[in-house]
Amino acid sequence: MEARFPLIPGWEVAGVIEARGFDATEFEVGDEVVGYINNVWG
């Protein structure tokens, strides 16, 4: 997907875990994840 600037991103993020730190235990490489960035609305 090509981005045009200025870019105003949405609130949702999603992806697949590609690597994790030694102490990380909640997720595994290959897990599909989704998140919601809850910030102050302007």
C-alpha atoms as a PDB file:
ATOM      1  CA  MET A   1       0.000   0.000   0.000  1.00  0.00           C
ATOM      2  CA  GLU A   2       1.430   3.334  -1.026  1.00  0.00           C
ATOM      3  CA  ALA A   3       1.248   6.229   1.437  1.00  0.00           C
ATOM      4  CA  ARG A   4       0.726   9.871   0.567  1.00  0.00           C
ATOM      5  CA  PHE A   5       1.925  12.571   2.905  1.00  0.00           C
ATOM      6  CA  PRO A   6       0.793  14.138   5.099  1.00  0.00           C
ATOM      7  CA  LEU A   7      -0.346  10.750   6.418  1.00  0.00           C
ATOM      8  CA  ILE A   8      -3.037  10.517   9.103  1.00  0.00           C
ATOM      9  CA  PRO A   9      -3.042   6.902  10.314  1.00  0.00           C
ATOM     10  CA  GLY A  10      -6.039   5.153  11.814  1.00  0.00           C
ATOM     11  CA  TRP A  11      -6.322   3.736  15.321  1.00  0.00           C
ATOM     12  CA  GLU A  12      -6.004   0.017  14.556  1.00  0.00           C
ATOM     13  CA  VAL A  13      -2.770  -1.911  14.042  1.00  0.00           C
ATOM     14  CA  ALA A  14      -2.269  -5.560  13.048  1.00  0.00           C
ATOM     15  CA  GLY A  15       0.565  -7.857  12.066  1.00  0.00           C
ATOM     16  CA  VAL A  16       2.406 -11.122  12.582  1.00  0.00           C
ATOM     17  CA  ILE A  17       5.105 -11.622  15.222  1.00  0.00           C
ATOM     18  CA  GLU A  18       8.444 -12.014  13.398  1.00  0.00           C
ATOM     19  CA  ALA A  19      10.778 -12.124  16.404  1.00  0.00           C
ATOM     20  CA  ARG A  20      10.619 -11.813  20.159  1.00  0.00           C
ATOM     21  CA  GLY A  21      12.956 -11.046  23.004  1.00  0.00           C
ATOM     22  CA  PHE A  22      14.413 -13.675  25.317  1.00  0.00           C
ATOM     23  CA  ASP A  23      12.133 -12.726  28.230  1.00  0.00           C
ATOM     24  CA  ALA A  24       8.940 -12.468  26.135  1.00  0.00           C
ATOM     25  CA  THR A  25       6.537 -15.299  26.958  1.00  0.00           C
ATOM     26  CA  GLU A  26       3.041 -14.166  25.978  1.00  0.00           C
ATOM     27  CA  PHE A  27       3.446 -14.390  22.185  1.00  0.00           C
ATOM     28  CA  GLU A  28       5.159 -16.802  19.781  1.00  0.00           C
ATOM     29  CA  VAL A  29       6.796 -16.124  16.419  1.00  0.00           C
ATOM     30  CA  GLY A  30       4.059 -16.483  13.789  1.00  0.00           C
ATOM     31  CA  ASP A  31       1.218 -15.323  16.071  1.00  0.00           C
ATOM     32  CA  GLU A  32      -1.242 -12.954  14.415  1.00  0.00           C
ATOM     33  CA  VAL A  33      -1.814  -9.886  16.587  1.00  0.00           C
ATOM     34  CA  VAL A  34      -4.087  -6.867  16.581  1.00  0.00           C
ATOM     35  CA  GLY A  35      -4.082  -3.738  18.702  1.00  0.00           C
ATOM     36  CA  TYR A  36      -5.956  -0.511  19.202  1.00  0.00           C
ATOM     37  CA  ILE A  37      -4.093   2.720  19.861  1.00  0.00           C
ATOM     38  CA  ASN A  38      -6.270   4.628  22.312  1.00  0.00           C
ATOM     39  CA  ASN A  39      -5.010   8.174  22.504  1.00  0.00           C
ATOM     40  CA  VAL A  40      -6.449  11.608  23.107  1.00  0.00           C
ATOM     41  CA  TRP A  41      -8.905  12.573  20.386  1.00  0.00           C
ATOM     42  CA  GLY A  42      -8.254  16.007  18.900  1.00  0.00           C
END
